[in-house]
Amino acid sequence: MKKGLFALLLVGVLVLSVVASGCIGGGETTSSPSSTSESTTSTTTSSSATETTAPETDCGSGDIVIWHAMQPNELEVFQSLAEEYMAMCPGVTITFEQKPDLESALKAAIPTGQGPDLFIWAHDWIGKFADAGMLEPIDDYVTDDILKDFAPMAVDAIQYKEHYYAMPFAAETVAVIYNKNMVSEPPRTFDEMKAIMEKYYDPDNEKYGIAWPINAYFISGIAQAFGGYYFDDKTEQPGLDKPETIEGFQFFFQNIWPYMAPTGDYNTQQSIFLEGRAPMMVNGPWSINDVKKAGIDFDVVPLPPITKDGKEYWPRPYGGVKNIYFAAGIKNKEAAWKFVKWFTTSPDVIKELSLQLGYIPVLKPVLDDPEIQADPVIYGFGQAVQHAYLMPKSPKMSAVWGGVDGAINEILQDPANADIPAILQNYQQQILDNMNGG
């Protein structure tokens, strides 16, 4: 194999809308393919080589059609891997079909029996597609022996209401990106991170302790650090009024916000870090290209644990997982499963995706690979994924984003004096009303 390779909202609501629509589903994490006004279809078929070696994997036979909304650079790598598979399995033909408005295309085609065998998107579609009967269960194929090699978040991302419908191959979440010229050693605890913030906080000269966009997605790690949550996928209930969630919000605005520039704007916060006016930034892998363009010597580490009353609490930022889904009405399930199993469980394949495309692996053996560990972006975010809180899969989550952002915006009006418990309790009720059609 040749070696090689989640920004969410624009400001406030726009960033959230991207996150909620599955920012890691397609190739460009800054926008959702479903925003395309006209749906066009381009088809690319990877055909097997005329001369092949003996199969090295468990092969099926027949045609496998995969719909996607990937960017050209992603598709090139996926095609190369598919061609390698078909060289081992000459009885299989894999066809990739691009659908810029993938969601609409799937919803129109699957119920009529005209859908694909497989499709690629973020895990957050699993609830609404399963509830609509548009996914094919793969419970008979997914075994504990397979699942043990994946990060816990990835295992959670492929199941819904006690059925498996997909297999994972990459993930994303936020982490601490720090300037190595300003921070010689990465913060291993929150106390160490706070000491760095205190050292560099100089608002009179427009310098700050940390750059951190403020919205429901970006501060989720701290809000959910003490056992609280925005939404529980199992009970399908919001949790803003939980004491643990309130504690998380209070901790953020008491211990982090005071060292920040007084704005939650994504672009402003990112610029502060890129201009060298803050030693650290909390952001995702989608921001790395801008960090590199700024010429910053950087590294990436997970949000550090918080020690409180002698107990250690890891921040739990929301994370997303890239899945290969099995569509209802699949025409060649056996062959499709064998390809997907090879694709998602082969360390060489996942390593290739990571090195060529910067994907963050969810396959544990890949994170132990020396070449992956030498890459600060892949390894750093890979470690952060181990502590991430999977973005909820239930369709009811759509009612939660606006409520959480509403609470945050109200707190930001006067963070020092805001009655955070009362604000969160008020928006908890608003979310419940919206969920119930009120």
Protein backbone atom coordinates (compact mmCIF):
# COMPACT_ATOMS: atom_id res chain seq x y z
CA MET A 1 0.00 0.00 0.00
CA LYS A 2 1.24 3.45 -0.77
CA LYS A 3 1.85 5.74 2.19
CA GLY A 4 0.30 9.14 2.73
CA LEU A 5 -3.52 12.04 4.32
CA PHE A 6 -15.87 17.46 12.24
CA ALA A 7 -15.62 24.13 10.77
CA LEU A 8 -18.83 23.25 12.34
CA LEU A 9 -21.05 26.25 12.68
CA LEU A 10 -20.12 29.50 11.05
CA VAL A 11 -21.03 31.55 14.05
CA GLY A 12 -23.45 30.35 16.70
CA VAL A 13 -26.41 28.75 14.95
CA LEU A 14 -24.63 28.09 11.64
CA VAL A 15 -21.88 26.09 13.33
CA LEU A 16 -24.47 24.00 15.15
CA SER A 17 -26.50 23.32 12.04
CA VAL A 18 -23.46 21.80 10.40
CA VAL A 19 -22.66 19.67 13.42
CA ALA A 20 -26.22 18.48 13.73
CA SER A 21 -26.39 17.59 10.04
CA GLY A 22 -23.34 15.35 10.22
CA CYS A 23 -20.26 17.41 9.59
CA ILE A 24 -18.08 14.36 9.07
CA GLY A 25 -20.40 12.61 6.71
CA GLY A 26 -19.00 13.99 3.50
CA GLY A 27 -15.56 15.12 2.55
CA GLU A 28 -15.70 18.76 3.60
CA THR A 29 -16.33 19.30 7.26
CA THR A 30 -17.37 22.91 6.90
CA SER A 31 -20.66 22.26 5.12
CA SER A 32 -23.39 19.70 4.72
CA PRO A 33 -23.92 18.14 1.28
CA SER A 34 -27.66 18.25 1.92
CA SER A 35 -27.57 22.00 1.39
CA THR A 36 -27.05 21.53 -2.34
CA SER A 37 -30.04 22.90 -4.23
CA GLU A 38 -29.89 20.55 -7.20
CA SER A 39 -29.11 16.85 -6.90
CA THR A 40 -26.78 15.56 -9.57
CA THR A 41 -25.29 12.10 -9.91
CA SER A 42 -21.84 11.18 -11.13
CA THR A 43 -20.81 7.53 -11.22
CA THR A 44 -17.33 6.14 -10.89
CA THR A 45 -16.76 2.41 -11.20
CA SER A 46 -13.65 0.67 -9.99
CA SER A 47 -13.10 -2.48 -12.00
CA SER A 48 -10.97 -5.41 -10.96
CA ALA A 49 -7.61 -6.03 -12.56
CA THR A 50 -7.43 -8.54 -15.40
CA GLU A 51 -4.63 -10.43 -13.68
CA THR A 52 -4.82 -11.02 -9.95
CA THR A 53 -3.05 -12.94 -7.29
CA ALA A 54 -4.81 -15.50 -5.15
CA PRO A 55 -7.37 -13.96 -2.78
CA GLU A 56 -5.95 -13.01 0.60
CA THR A 57 -9.29 -12.40 2.27
CA ASP A 58 -12.75 -13.90 2.59
CA CYS A 59 -14.35 -12.90 -0.72
CA GLY A 60 -17.87 -12.71 -1.98
CA SER A 61 -19.00 -12.21 -5.54
CA GLY A 62 -21.19 -9.85 -7.52
CA ASP A 63 -21.75 -6.10 -7.70
CA ILE A 64 -21.64 -3.70 -4.74
CA VAL A 65 -22.98 -0.16 -5.20
CA ILE A 66 -21.90 2.53 -2.72
CA TRP A 67 -23.45 6.00 -2.59
CA HIS A 68 -21.48 8.86 -1.06
CA ALA A 69 -20.92 12.61 -0.93
CA MET A 70 -17.14 12.56 -0.58
CA GLN A 71 -14.70 15.11 -1.91
CA PRO A 72 -12.50 14.12 -4.91
CA ASN A 73 -9.39 13.52 -2.80
CA GLU A 74 -11.34 11.17 -0.53
CA LEU A 75 -12.90 9.30 -3.43
CA GLU A 76 -9.49 8.75 -5.00
CA VAL A 77 -8.24 6.95 -1.88
CA PHE A 78 -11.45 4.93 -1.49
CA GLN A 79 -11.25 3.84 -5.12
CA SER A 80 -7.63 2.80 -4.73
CA LEU A 81 -8.52 0.65 -1.74
CA ALA A 82 -11.51 -0.85 -3.55
CA GLU A 83 -9.29 -1.73 -6.48
CA GLU A 84 -6.90 -3.48 -4.12
CA TYR A 85 -9.80 -5.46 -2.70
CA MET A 86 -11.04 -6.43 -6.14
CA ALA A 87 -7.56 -7.57 -7.12
CA MET A 88 -7.82 -10.04 -4.24
CA CYS A 89 -11.47 -10.80 -5.00
CA PRO A 90 -11.90 -10.83 -8.80
CA GLY A 91 -15.53 -11.90 -8.53
CA VAL A 92 -16.48 -8.56 -6.95
CA THR A 93 -17.14 -5.24 -8.68
CA ILE A 94 -17.45 -2.12 -6.51
CA THR A 95 -19.11 0.99 -7.88
CA PHE A 96 -19.05 4.39 -6.19
CA GLU A 97 -21.86 6.79 -7.06
CA GLN A 98 -21.63 10.40 -5.91
CA LYS A 99 -24.82 12.07 -4.67
CA PRO A 100 -24.26 15.70 -3.68
CA ASP A 101 -27.65 15.72 -1.94
CA LEU A 102 -27.14 12.29 -0.46
CA GLU A 103 -29.92 12.38 2.13
CA SER A 104 -32.62 13.32 -0.36
CA ALA A 105 -31.35 10.76 -2.87
CA LEU A 106 -31.45 7.97 -0.30
CA LYS A 107 -34.90 8.91 0.99
CA ALA A 108 -36.26 8.89 -2.55
CA ALA A 109 -34.58 5.69 -3.73
CA ILE A 110 -34.53 3.23 -0.82
CA PRO A 111 -38.32 2.96 -0.29
CA THR A 112 -38.78 2.18 -4.01
CA GLY A 113 -36.09 -0.50 -4.07
CA GLN A 114 -33.75 1.66 -6.16
CA GLY A 115 -31.22 2.44 -3.46
CA PRO A 116 -27.59 1.40 -3.10
CA ASP A 117 -26.16 -1.55 -1.21
CA LEU A 118 -24.10 0.74 1.03
CA PHE A 119 -23.75 4.43 1.74
CA ILE A 120 -21.23 6.56 3.64
CA TRP A 121 -22.12 9.27 6.14
CA ALA A 122 -21.76 10.30 9.78
CA HIS A 123 -23.34 8.22 12.53
CA ASP A 124 -25.99 10.80 13.37
CA TRP A 125 -28.25 9.59 10.54
CA ILE A 126 -28.61 6.14 12.07
CA GLY A 127 -31.64 6.96 14.24
CA LYS A 128 -33.83 8.65 11.69
CA PHE A 129 -32.93 6.20 8.90
CA ALA A 130 -33.51 3.15 11.11
CA ASP A 131 -36.83 4.52 12.37
CA ALA A 132 -37.86 5.08 8.75
CA GLY A 133 -37.04 1.46 7.85
CA MET A 134 -34.28 2.45 5.46
CA LEU A 135 -31.43 0.46 7.03
CA GLU A 136 -30.60 -3.25 6.90
CA PRO A 137 -29.61 -4.90 10.20
CA ILE A 138 -26.27 -6.72 10.24
CA ASP A 139 -26.64 -8.31 13.67
CA ASP A 140 -25.70 -11.77 12.36
CA TYR A 141 -22.32 -10.49 11.17
CA VAL A 142 -21.18 -8.16 13.95
CA THR A 143 -19.50 -10.24 16.67
CA ASP A 144 -17.75 -9.40 19.92
CA ASP A 145 -14.49 -10.52 18.32
CA ILE A 146 -14.89 -7.73 15.76
CA LEU A 147 -16.09 -5.06 18.18
CA LYS A 148 -13.26 -5.50 20.69
CA ASP A 149 -10.80 -3.74 18.38
CA PHE A 150 -12.82 -0.52 18.11
CA ALA A 151 -12.96 2.53 20.36
CA PRO A 152 -16.09 2.43 22.56
CA MET A 153 -17.54 5.50 20.85
CA ALA A 154 -17.32 3.76 17.49
CA VAL A 155 -19.14 0.68 18.76
CA ASP A 156 -21.93 2.88 20.08
CA ALA A 157 -22.12 4.71 16.76
CA ILE A 158 -23.11 1.67 14.68
CA GLN A 159 -26.03 0.46 16.77
CA TYR A 160 -29.53 1.78 17.35
CA LYS A 161 -32.32 0.24 19.40
CA GLU A 162 -30.41 -3.04 19.85
CA HIS A 163 -29.53 -3.52 16.18
CA TYR A 164 -26.33 -2.96 14.22
CA TYR A 165 -26.72 -1.15 10.91
CA ALA A 166 -23.22 0.02 9.95
CA MET A 167 -19.48 -0.28 10.49
CA PRO A 168 -17.18 2.59 11.57
CA PHE A 169 -13.93 3.71 10.01
CA ALA A 170 -13.03 7.16 11.41
CA ALA A 171 -14.02 9.74 14.00
CA GLU A 172 -13.57 13.32 15.10
CA THR A 173 -13.88 15.42 18.22
CA VAL A 174 -12.25 18.51 19.71
CA ALA A 175 -8.94 18.61 21.54
CA VAL A 176 -6.33 21.07 22.77
CA ILE A 177 -4.12 22.38 19.99
CA TYR A 178 -1.17 24.17 21.55
CA ASN A 179 1.62 26.39 20.24
CA LYS A 180 4.89 24.64 21.07
CA ASN A 181 6.78 27.93 20.99
CA MET A 182 4.61 29.16 23.87
CA VAL A 183 3.92 25.91 25.72
CA SER A 184 6.96 23.68 26.20
CA GLU A 185 5.04 20.82 27.82
CA PRO A 186 1.39 20.01 27.08
CA PRO A 187 -1.08 20.31 29.96
CA ARG A 188 -1.67 16.90 31.54
CA THR A 189 -4.21 18.15 34.07
CA PHE A 190 -6.71 20.98 34.09
CA ASP A 191 -4.71 22.71 36.81
CA GLU A 192 -1.72 22.78 34.47
CA MET A 193 -3.91 24.14 31.66
CA LYS A 194 -5.28 26.84 33.97
CA ALA A 195 -1.76 27.87 34.95
CA ILE A 196 -0.92 28.35 31.27
CA MET A 197 -4.10 30.41 30.76
CA GLU A 198 -3.23 32.61 33.73
CA LYS A 199 0.32 33.14 32.46
CA TYR A 200 -0.71 34.40 29.03
CA TYR A 201 -3.90 36.28 29.87
CA ASP A 202 -3.22 39.94 29.03
CA PRO A 203 -6.45 41.51 27.73
CA ASP A 204 -5.00 45.04 27.68
CA ASN A 205 -2.73 43.84 24.86
CA GLU A 206 -5.44 41.63 23.31
CA LYS A 207 -3.72 38.46 24.43
CA TYR A 208 -5.61 35.63 26.09
CA GLY A 209 -5.13 32.37 27.95
CA ILE A 210 -6.96 30.17 25.48
CA ALA A 211 -9.00 30.38 22.28
CA TRP A 212 -12.24 28.42 22.48
CA PRO A 213 -15.37 28.90 20.34
CA ILE A 214 -18.46 29.05 22.53
CA ASN A 215 -21.53 27.07 21.49
CA ALA A 216 -23.26 23.84 22.43
CA TYR A 217 -20.86 21.64 20.49
CA PHE A 218 -17.56 23.21 21.48
CA ILE A 219 -18.13 23.45 25.25
CA SER A 220 -19.82 20.05 25.49
CA GLY A 221 -16.65 18.50 26.91
CA ILE A 222 -16.75 20.61 30.05
CA ALA A 223 -20.54 20.73 30.30
CA GLN A 224 -20.60 16.92 30.36
CA ALA A 225 -17.39 16.37 32.36
CA PHE A 226 -18.99 15.62 35.72
CA GLY A 227 -21.53 13.08 34.51
CA GLY A 228 -24.11 15.47 33.09
CA TYR A 229 -25.37 15.57 29.54
CA TYR A 230 -27.39 17.59 27.06
CA PHE A 231 -29.42 14.56 25.97
CA ASP A 232 -29.54 10.88 26.94
CA ASP A 233 -29.91 8.62 23.92
CA LYS A 234 -31.27 5.77 26.03
CA THR A 235 -34.08 7.67 27.74
CA GLU A 236 -34.39 10.23 24.90
CA GLN A 237 -34.63 12.98 27.49
CA PRO A 238 -32.64 16.22 27.86
CA GLY A 239 -30.49 16.74 30.93
CA LEU A 240 -29.76 20.46 31.24
CA ASP A 241 -31.35 20.57 34.69
CA LYS A 242 -29.22 17.73 36.08
CA PRO A 243 -26.93 18.86 38.93
CA GLU A 244 -23.94 17.38 37.09
CA THR A 245 -24.73 19.34 33.91
CA ILE A 246 -25.21 22.56 35.88
CA GLU A 247 -21.86 21.90 37.57
CA GLY A 248 -20.19 21.52 34.18
CA PHE A 249 -21.56 24.83 32.88
CA GLN A 250 -20.59 26.62 36.07
CA PHE A 251 -17.09 25.19 35.91
CA PHE A 252 -16.61 26.44 32.35
CA PHE A 253 -17.77 29.97 33.03
CA GLN A 254 -15.90 30.21 36.34
CA ASN A 255 -12.59 28.61 35.33
CA ILE A 256 -12.15 29.06 31.58
CA TRP A 257 -14.24 31.98 30.36
CA PRO A 258 -12.39 34.54 32.58
CA TYR A 259 -9.19 33.93 30.58
CA MET A 260 -10.80 34.30 27.15
CA ALA A 261 -11.60 37.09 24.74
CA PRO A 262 -15.19 38.20 25.46
CA THR A 263 -16.79 36.62 22.41
CA GLY A 264 -18.03 33.18 21.49
CA ASP A 265 -17.52 33.74 17.76
CA TYR A 266 -15.78 30.82 16.04
CA ASN A 267 -13.75 32.83 13.54
CA THR A 268 -12.60 35.36 16.16
CA GLN A 269 -11.52 32.67 18.58
CA GLN A 270 -9.61 30.77 15.90
CA SER A 271 -7.91 33.96 14.70
CA ILE A 272 -6.68 34.71 18.21
CA PHE A 273 -4.74 31.43 18.20
CA LEU A 274 -3.56 31.71 14.60
CA GLU A 275 -2.20 35.20 15.29
CA GLY A 276 -0.20 33.96 18.29
CA ARG A 277 -2.37 35.81 20.80
CA ALA A 278 -3.21 32.67 22.78
CA PRO A 279 -1.04 29.64 23.60
CA MET A 280 -3.81 27.08 23.12
CA MET A 281 -6.99 26.54 21.14
CA VAL A 282 -9.80 24.02 21.54
CA ASN A 283 -10.88 22.94 18.08
CA GLY A 284 -11.21 19.93 15.79
CA PRO A 285 -9.16 18.36 12.99
CA TRP A 286 -10.95 20.54 10.42
CA SER A 287 -8.97 23.53 11.80
CA ILE A 288 -5.53 22.00 11.27
CA ASN A 289 -5.00 23.25 7.72
CA ASP A 290 -5.39 26.84 8.95
CA VAL A 291 -2.98 26.16 11.81
CA LYS A 292 -0.40 24.83 9.37
CA LYS A 293 -0.90 27.79 7.01
CA ALA A 294 -0.23 30.12 9.94
CA GLY A 295 3.17 28.48 10.35
CA ILE A 296 2.55 27.47 13.96
CA ASP A 297 4.67 24.70 15.45
CA PHE A 298 1.90 22.80 17.21
CA ASP A 299 0.85 19.59 18.87
CA VAL A 300 -2.51 18.08 19.87
CA VAL A 301 -3.58 16.52 23.18
CA PRO A 302 -6.96 15.62 24.69
CA LEU A 303 -8.72 18.05 27.00
CA PRO A 304 -7.00 17.28 30.32
CA PRO A 305 -8.79 15.73 33.31
CA ILE A 306 -10.23 17.84 36.11
CA THR A 307 -9.47 16.84 39.69
CA LYS A 308 -12.24 17.71 42.13
CA ASP A 309 -12.61 16.45 45.71
CA GLY A 310 -9.90 13.89 45.04
CA LYS A 311 -11.64 12.45 41.99
CA GLU A 312 -10.55 12.70 38.36
CA TYR A 313 -13.10 13.75 35.73
CA TRP A 314 -12.27 13.59 32.03
CA PRO A 315 -13.99 16.16 29.82
CA ARG A 316 -16.38 14.44 27.40
CA PRO A 317 -16.66 16.51 24.23
CA TYR A 318 -19.12 15.44 21.60
CA GLY A 319 -17.65 13.28 18.88
CA GLY A 320 -18.81 11.98 15.54
CA VAL A 321 -18.07 8.75 13.67
CA LYS A 322 -17.90 8.05 9.95
CA ASN A 323 -19.95 4.97 9.08
CA ILE A 324 -20.54 2.68 6.13
CA TYR A 325 -24.27 1.94 6.30
CA PHE A 326 -26.17 -1.05 4.95
CA ALA A 327 -29.24 0.17 3.07
CA ALA A 328 -32.62 -1.57 3.29
CA GLY A 329 -33.26 -3.57 0.15
CA ILE A 330 -29.55 -4.32 -0.24
CA LYS A 331 -29.09 -6.57 -3.25
CA ASN A 332 -25.83 -8.27 -2.33
CA LYS A 333 -25.58 -8.32 1.45
CA GLU A 334 -23.08 -11.17 1.79
CA ALA A 335 -20.52 -9.68 -0.59
CA ALA A 336 -21.10 -6.20 0.80
CA TRP A 337 -20.46 -7.39 4.34
CA LYS A 338 -17.22 -9.12 3.38
CA PHE A 339 -15.94 -5.96 1.70
CA VAL A 340 -17.01 -3.71 4.58
CA LYS A 341 -15.46 -6.04 7.14
CA TRP A 342 -12.17 -5.98 5.25
CA PHE A 343 -12.32 -2.21 4.83
CA THR A 344 -13.12 -1.33 8.45
CA THR A 345 -11.14 -3.99 10.36
CA SER A 346 -7.91 -4.10 8.34
CA PRO A 347 -5.23 -2.01 10.08
CA ASP A 348 -3.51 -1.37 6.74
CA VAL A 349 -6.69 0.10 5.27
CA ILE A 350 -7.41 2.36 8.25
CA LYS A 351 -3.77 3.44 8.39
CA GLU A 352 -3.96 4.36 4.70
CA LEU A 353 -7.06 6.49 5.31
CA SER A 354 -5.33 8.20 8.22
CA LEU A 355 -2.08 8.97 6.41
CA GLN A 356 -3.66 9.92 3.10
CA LEU A 357 -6.70 11.84 4.34
CA GLY A 358 -6.02 12.71 7.96
CA TYR A 359 -8.89 10.56 9.22
CA ILE A 360 -8.79 9.86 12.95
CA PRO A 361 -8.77 6.06 13.39
CA VAL A 362 -11.22 4.25 15.65
CA LEU A 363 -9.47 0.90 15.20
CA LYS A 364 -7.31 0.50 18.30
CA PRO A 365 -4.36 -1.37 16.70
CA VAL A 366 -3.83 1.54 14.30
CA LEU A 367 -3.33 3.97 17.17
CA ASP A 368 -0.47 1.75 18.33
CA ASP A 369 1.30 2.00 14.98
CA PRO A 370 4.60 3.95 15.27
CA GLU A 371 3.93 5.90 12.08
CA ILE A 372 0.52 6.99 13.37
CA GLN A 373 1.95 7.86 16.78
CA ALA A 374 4.52 10.07 15.06
CA ASP A 375 1.76 12.18 13.50
CA PRO A 376 0.71 14.80 16.08
CA VAL A 377 -2.69 15.40 14.51
CA ILE A 378 -3.82 11.83 13.97
CA TYR A 379 -2.46 10.53 17.25
CA GLY A 380 -3.52 13.53 19.33
CA PHE A 381 -7.10 13.51 18.11
CA GLY A 382 -7.07 9.72 18.24
CA GLN A 383 -6.38 9.92 21.97
CA ALA A 384 -9.09 12.56 22.37
CA VAL A 385 -11.62 10.25 20.73
CA GLN A 386 -11.10 7.77 23.58
CA HIS A 387 -12.78 10.26 25.94
CA ALA A 388 -15.43 11.62 23.58
CA TYR A 389 -19.18 11.45 24.17
CA LEU A 390 -20.93 10.18 21.08
CA MET A 391 -23.21 12.76 19.55
CA PRO A 392 -26.76 11.47 20.15
CA LYS A 393 -28.35 9.29 17.47
CA SER A 394 -32.01 9.85 18.31
CA PRO A 395 -33.95 12.12 15.93
CA LYS A 396 -35.19 13.93 19.04
CA MET A 397 -31.74 15.47 19.44
CA SER A 398 -32.70 18.03 16.80
CA ALA A 399 -34.84 19.80 19.42
CA VAL A 400 -31.90 20.04 21.84
CA TRP A 401 -29.27 22.03 19.93
CA GLY A 402 -31.22 25.28 19.82
CA GLY A 403 -32.16 25.05 23.49
CA VAL A 404 -28.57 24.55 24.63
CA ASP A 405 -27.34 27.39 22.45
CA GLY A 406 -30.14 29.59 23.78
CA ALA A 407 -28.98 28.91 27.33
CA ILE A 408 -25.36 29.65 26.42
CA ASN A 409 -26.28 32.92 24.70
CA GLU A 410 -28.24 34.04 27.76
CA ILE A 411 -25.33 33.20 30.06
CA LEU A 412 -22.98 35.16 27.78
CA GLN A 413 -24.99 38.32 28.34
CA ASP A 414 -23.46 38.56 31.82
CA PRO A 415 -21.35 35.48 32.62
CA ALA A 416 -20.13 36.76 35.98
CA ASN A 417 -23.63 37.27 37.37
CA ALA A 418 -25.76 34.82 35.35
CA ASP A 419 -28.02 32.51 37.34
CA ILE A 420 -26.81 29.43 35.49
CA PRO A 421 -29.04 26.87 37.29
CA ALA A 422 -32.18 28.91 36.60
CA ILE A 423 -31.22 29.51 32.96
CA LEU A 424 -30.53 25.82 32.33
CA GLN A 425 -33.76 24.77 34.04
CA ASN A 426 -35.71 27.23 31.89
CA TYR A 427 -34.21 25.91 28.66
CA GLN A 428 -34.68 22.32 29.82
CA GLN A 429 -38.40 23.02 29.82
CA GLN A 430 -38.24 24.73 26.45
CA ILE A 431 -36.53 21.69 24.96
CA LEU A 432 -39.15 19.38 26.44
CA ASP A 433 -41.90 21.57 25.01
CA ASN A 434 -40.27 21.49 21.57
CA MET A 435 -39.78 17.73 21.73
CA ASN A 436 -43.46 17.32 22.56
CA GLY A 437 -44.60 19.66 19.83
CA GLY A 438 -45.34 22.53 22.20
